[in-house]
Amino acid sequence: MGNKQNIYFWILVGLLIFAVGYIVVDRYFEIKSARELSVFQEGVDYGYKSAVLQIIQEVSSSCESVSVFVDNQTVNIIDVECLQKVSQAD
């Protein structure tokens, strides 16, 4: 009888170790994925801000229109203050 209890004990210990190991590994990969997503999102935000700042700098540096291309669409952007200065000069 004692021998069977010993076997059951070690089976339970093995299952417990397996369960704890599985939880730890699962949590590790969850944290790793969250960190990678965070880095990706920071990169997207940085790229977006850089593109907008570049457009703003180009538009504000001259009173000429700046063409912006996205896929098959083109938009010309000009600073409104330049248009107001031109209309006041006339």
N, C-alpha and C. Protein backbone atom coordinates (compact mmCIF):
# COMPACT_ATOMS: atom_id res chain seq x y z
N MET A 1 0.81 -1.19 0.00
CA MET A 1 0.00 0.00 0.00
C MET A 1 0.86 1.26 0.00
N GLY A 2 1.93 1.27 0.76
CA GLY A 2 2.83 2.42 0.83
C GLY A 2 3.51 2.67 -0.49
N ASN A 3 3.80 1.62 -1.24
CA ASN A 3 4.47 1.75 -2.53
C ASN A 3 3.55 2.45 -3.55
N LYS A 4 2.25 2.13 -3.55
CA LYS A 4 1.30 2.77 -4.46
C LYS A 4 1.14 4.25 -4.13
N GLN A 5 1.11 4.58 -2.85
CA GLN A 5 0.98 5.98 -2.46
C GLN A 5 2.21 6.76 -2.89
N ASN A 6 3.37 6.14 -2.80
CA ASN A 6 4.61 6.77 -3.23
C ASN A 6 4.56 7.06 -4.73
N ILE A 7 4.07 6.10 -5.52
CA ILE A 7 3.97 6.29 -6.97
C ILE A 7 2.98 7.42 -7.27
N TYR A 8 1.83 7.43 -6.61
CA TYR A 8 0.84 8.49 -6.84
C TYR A 8 1.41 9.86 -6.45
N PHE A 9 2.15 9.88 -5.35
CA PHE A 9 2.77 11.13 -4.92
C PHE A 9 3.69 11.68 -6.01
N TRP A 10 4.55 10.85 -6.56
CA TRP A 10 5.50 11.31 -7.57
C TRP A 10 4.81 11.66 -8.89
N ILE A 11 3.72 10.98 -9.19
CA ILE A 11 2.94 11.36 -10.38
C ILE A 11 2.34 12.75 -10.19
N LEU A 12 1.79 13.00 -9.02
CA LEU A 12 1.23 14.32 -8.72
C LEU A 12 2.30 15.40 -8.74
N VAL A 13 3.47 15.10 -8.18
CA VAL A 13 4.57 16.06 -8.18
C VAL A 13 4.98 16.36 -9.62
N GLY A 14 5.06 15.31 -10.45
CA GLY A 14 5.42 15.50 -11.86
C GLY A 14 4.39 16.35 -12.60
N LEU A 15 3.12 16.08 -12.36
CA LEU A 15 2.06 16.88 -12.99
C LEU A 15 2.09 18.33 -12.52
N LEU A 16 2.38 18.52 -11.24
CA LEU A 16 2.48 19.87 -10.70
C LEU A 16 3.65 20.63 -11.35
N ILE A 17 4.78 19.97 -11.47
CA ILE A 17 5.95 20.59 -12.12
C ILE A 17 5.63 20.93 -13.57
N PHE A 18 4.97 20.01 -14.27
CA PHE A 18 4.59 20.25 -15.66
C PHE A 18 3.64 21.45 -15.76
N ALA A 19 2.63 21.53 -14.88
CA ALA A 19 1.66 22.62 -14.92
C ALA A 19 2.33 23.96 -14.63
N VAL A 20 3.19 24.00 -13.62
CA VAL A 20 3.88 25.24 -13.28
C VAL A 20 4.79 25.66 -14.43
N GLY A 21 5.51 24.70 -15.00
CA GLY A 21 6.39 25.00 -16.14
C GLY A 21 5.60 25.54 -17.32
N TYR A 22 4.46 24.94 -17.61
CA TYR A 22 3.62 25.40 -18.71
C TYR A 22 3.14 26.83 -18.47
N ILE A 23 2.71 27.12 -17.26
CA ILE A 23 2.22 28.46 -16.93
C ILE A 23 3.35 29.49 -17.06
N VAL A 24 4.53 29.15 -16.58
CA VAL A 24 5.66 30.07 -16.65
C VAL A 24 6.04 30.34 -18.11
N VAL A 25 6.13 29.30 -18.93
CA VAL A 25 6.49 29.48 -20.34
C VAL A 25 5.42 30.28 -21.07
N ASP A 26 4.15 30.00 -20.81
CA ASP A 26 3.06 30.73 -21.44
C ASP A 26 3.10 32.20 -21.06
N ARG A 27 3.33 32.49 -19.80
CA ARG A 27 3.41 33.88 -19.34
C ARG A 27 4.61 34.59 -19.97
N TYR A 28 5.73 33.90 -20.10
CA TYR A 28 6.93 34.48 -20.71
C TYR A 28 6.63 34.90 -22.15
N PHE A 29 6.01 34.03 -22.93
CA PHE A 29 5.72 34.36 -24.32
C PHE A 29 4.66 35.46 -24.43
N GLU A 30 3.75 35.52 -23.48
CA GLU A 30 2.75 36.58 -23.47
C GLU A 30 3.42 37.93 -23.22
N ILE A 31 4.33 37.98 -22.26
CA ILE A 31 5.05 39.23 -21.96
C ILE A 31 5.93 39.62 -23.15
N LYS A 32 6.59 38.65 -23.76
CA LYS A 32 7.44 38.92 -24.92
C LYS A 32 6.62 39.49 -26.08
N SER A 33 5.45 38.93 -26.33
CA SER A 33 4.59 39.44 -27.41
C SER A 33 4.12 40.86 -27.11
N ALA A 34 3.77 41.13 -25.88
CA ALA A 34 3.33 42.47 -25.50
C ALA A 34 4.45 43.48 -25.69
N ARG A 35 5.67 43.08 -25.34
CA ARG A 35 6.82 43.97 -25.51
C ARG A 35 7.09 44.24 -26.99
N GLU A 36 7.02 43.20 -27.82
CA GLU A 36 7.24 43.37 -29.26
C GLU A 36 6.16 44.27 -29.86
N LEU A 37 4.92 44.10 -29.44
CA LEU A 37 3.83 44.94 -29.93
C LEU A 37 4.05 46.40 -29.53
N SER A 38 4.53 46.60 -28.32
CA SER A 38 4.81 47.95 -27.84
C SER A 38 5.90 48.62 -28.67
N VAL A 39 6.96 47.88 -28.96
CA VAL A 39 8.05 48.43 -29.78
C VAL A 39 7.54 48.73 -31.19
N PHE A 40 6.73 47.84 -31.75
CA PHE A 40 6.16 48.06 -33.07
C PHE A 40 5.30 49.31 -33.08
N GLN A 41 4.46 49.49 -32.06
CA GLN A 41 3.58 50.65 -31.99
C GLN A 41 4.39 51.93 -31.85
N GLU A 42 5.47 51.90 -31.08
CA GLU A 42 6.33 53.08 -30.95
C GLU A 42 6.95 53.43 -32.30
N GLY A 43 7.34 52.42 -33.07
CA GLY A 43 7.90 52.66 -34.40
C GLY A 43 6.89 53.27 -35.35
N VAL A 44 5.66 52.79 -35.27
CA VAL A 44 4.59 53.35 -36.12
C VAL A 44 4.35 54.80 -35.74
N ASP A 45 4.26 55.08 -34.45
CA ASP A 45 4.03 56.46 -33.99
C ASP A 45 5.18 57.37 -34.43
N TYR A 46 6.41 56.90 -34.30
CA TYR A 46 7.56 57.70 -34.70
C TYR A 46 7.53 57.99 -36.20
N GLY A 47 7.23 56.98 -36.99
CA GLY A 47 7.16 57.17 -38.44
C GLY A 47 6.07 58.15 -38.83
N TYR A 48 4.92 58.03 -38.19
CA TYR A 48 3.81 58.94 -38.47
C TYR A 48 4.20 60.37 -38.13
N LYS A 49 4.77 60.58 -36.95
CA LYS A 49 5.16 61.93 -36.53
C LYS A 49 6.24 62.49 -37.44
N SER A 50 7.19 61.65 -37.84
CA SER A 50 8.26 62.11 -38.73
C SER A 50 7.70 62.54 -40.07
N ALA A 51 6.77 61.77 -40.62
CA ALA A 51 6.18 62.12 -41.91
C ALA A 51 5.41 63.43 -41.82
N VAL A 52 4.62 63.59 -40.78
CA VAL A 52 3.83 64.82 -40.62
C VAL A 52 4.75 66.02 -40.43
N LEU A 53 5.79 65.88 -39.61
CA LEU A 53 6.73 66.99 -39.40
C LEU A 53 7.46 67.36 -40.68
N GLN A 54 7.82 66.38 -41.47
CA GLN A 54 8.49 66.64 -42.75
C GLN A 54 7.57 67.42 -43.68
N ILE A 55 6.31 67.02 -43.74
CA ILE A 55 5.35 67.75 -44.59
C ILE A 55 5.18 69.17 -44.10
N ILE A 56 5.04 69.35 -42.78
CA ILE A 56 4.87 70.69 -42.22
C ILE A 56 6.08 71.56 -42.53
N GLN A 57 7.29 71.01 -42.40
CA GLN A 57 8.49 71.79 -42.68
C GLN A 57 8.57 72.19 -44.14
N GLU A 58 8.22 71.28 -45.03
CA GLU A 58 8.27 71.61 -46.46
C GLU A 58 7.23 72.65 -46.83
N VAL A 59 6.02 72.53 -46.28
CA VAL A 59 4.95 73.47 -46.61
C VAL A 59 5.25 74.85 -46.04
N SER A 60 5.77 74.91 -44.83
CA SER A 60 6.01 76.21 -44.20
C SER A 60 7.29 76.89 -44.68
N SER A 61 8.19 76.16 -45.33
CA SER A 61 9.45 76.77 -45.76
C SER A 61 9.30 77.58 -47.04
N SER A 62 8.28 77.30 -47.83
CA SER A 62 8.08 78.06 -49.06
C SER A 62 6.58 78.22 -49.29
N CYS A 63 6.24 79.16 -50.14
CA CYS A 63 4.83 79.37 -50.45
C CYS A 63 4.42 78.60 -51.70
N GLU A 64 5.06 77.49 -51.92
CA GLU A 64 4.71 76.64 -53.05
C GLU A 64 3.96 75.41 -52.53
N SER A 65 3.17 74.83 -53.42
CA SER A 65 2.44 73.64 -52.99
C SER A 65 3.38 72.45 -52.92
N VAL A 66 3.07 71.54 -52.03
CA VAL A 66 3.85 70.33 -51.84
C VAL A 66 2.93 69.16 -52.19
N SER A 67 3.41 68.27 -53.04
CA SER A 67 2.61 67.11 -53.43
C SER A 67 2.84 65.97 -52.45
N VAL A 68 1.75 65.37 -52.02
CA VAL A 68 1.82 64.22 -51.12
C VAL A 68 1.18 63.04 -51.86
N PHE A 69 1.92 61.94 -51.93
CA PHE A 69 1.46 60.77 -52.65
C PHE A 69 1.16 59.64 -51.67
N VAL A 70 -0.01 59.03 -51.80
CA VAL A 70 -0.38 57.85 -51.02
C VAL A 70 -1.06 56.88 -51.98
N ASP A 71 -0.45 55.73 -52.15
CA ASP A 71 -0.96 54.73 -53.10
C ASP A 71 -1.14 55.38 -54.47
N ASN A 72 -2.37 55.46 -54.95
CA ASN A 72 -2.64 56.06 -56.26
C ASN A 72 -3.23 57.45 -56.15
N GLN A 73 -3.18 58.04 -54.98
CA GLN A 73 -3.76 59.37 -54.78
C GLN A 73 -2.67 60.40 -54.58
N THR A 74 -2.92 61.59 -55.11
CA THR A 74 -1.99 62.70 -54.96
C THR A 74 -2.78 63.90 -54.43
N VAL A 75 -2.20 64.56 -53.43
CA VAL A 75 -2.82 65.75 -52.86
C VAL A 75 -1.76 66.84 -52.82
N ASN A 76 -2.13 68.06 -53.23
CA ASN A 76 -1.23 69.20 -53.15
C ASN A 76 -1.58 70.01 -51.92
N ILE A 77 -0.58 70.32 -51.12
CA ILE A 77 -0.80 71.04 -49.87
C ILE A 77 -0.05 72.37 -49.94
N ILE A 78 -0.71 73.44 -49.46
CA ILE A 78 -0.06 74.75 -49.40
C ILE A 78 -0.45 75.40 -48.07
N ASP A 79 0.44 76.22 -47.56
CA ASP A 79 0.20 76.89 -46.28
C ASP A 79 -0.84 78.00 -46.47
N VAL A 80 -1.86 78.02 -45.66
CA VAL A 80 -2.94 79.00 -45.77
C VAL A 80 -2.41 80.41 -45.50
N GLU A 81 -1.45 80.52 -44.61
CA GLU A 81 -0.88 81.84 -44.32
C GLU A 81 -0.24 82.44 -45.56
N CYS A 82 0.38 81.65 -46.40
CA CYS A 82 0.96 82.14 -47.64
C CYS A 82 -0.14 82.68 -48.56
N LEU A 83 -1.25 81.96 -48.64
CA LEU A 83 -2.37 82.43 -49.47
C LEU A 83 -2.93 83.73 -48.95
N GLN A 84 -3.00 83.87 -47.62
CA GLN A 84 -3.52 85.10 -47.03
C GLN A 84 -2.56 86.25 -47.30
N LYS A 85 -1.27 86.02 -47.25
CA LYS A 85 -0.28 87.08 -47.53
C LYS A 85 -0.38 87.52 -48.98
N VAL A 86 -0.55 86.57 -49.88
CA VAL A 86 -0.66 86.89 -51.31
C VAL A 86 -1.93 87.70 -51.56
N SER A 87 -3.04 87.31 -50.94
CA SER A 87 -4.30 88.04 -51.16
C SER A 87 -4.26 89.44 -50.54
N GLN A 88 -3.54 89.60 -49.45
CA GLN A 88 -3.41 90.93 -48.82
C GLN A 88 -2.50 91.83 -49.65
N ALA A 89 -1.51 91.23 -50.31
CA ALA A 89 -0.58 92.01 -51.13
C ALA A 89 -1.28 92.57 -52.37
N ASP A 90 -2.31 91.86 -52.82
CA ASP A 90 -3.03 92.33 -54.02
C ASP A 90 -3.98 93.40 -53.65
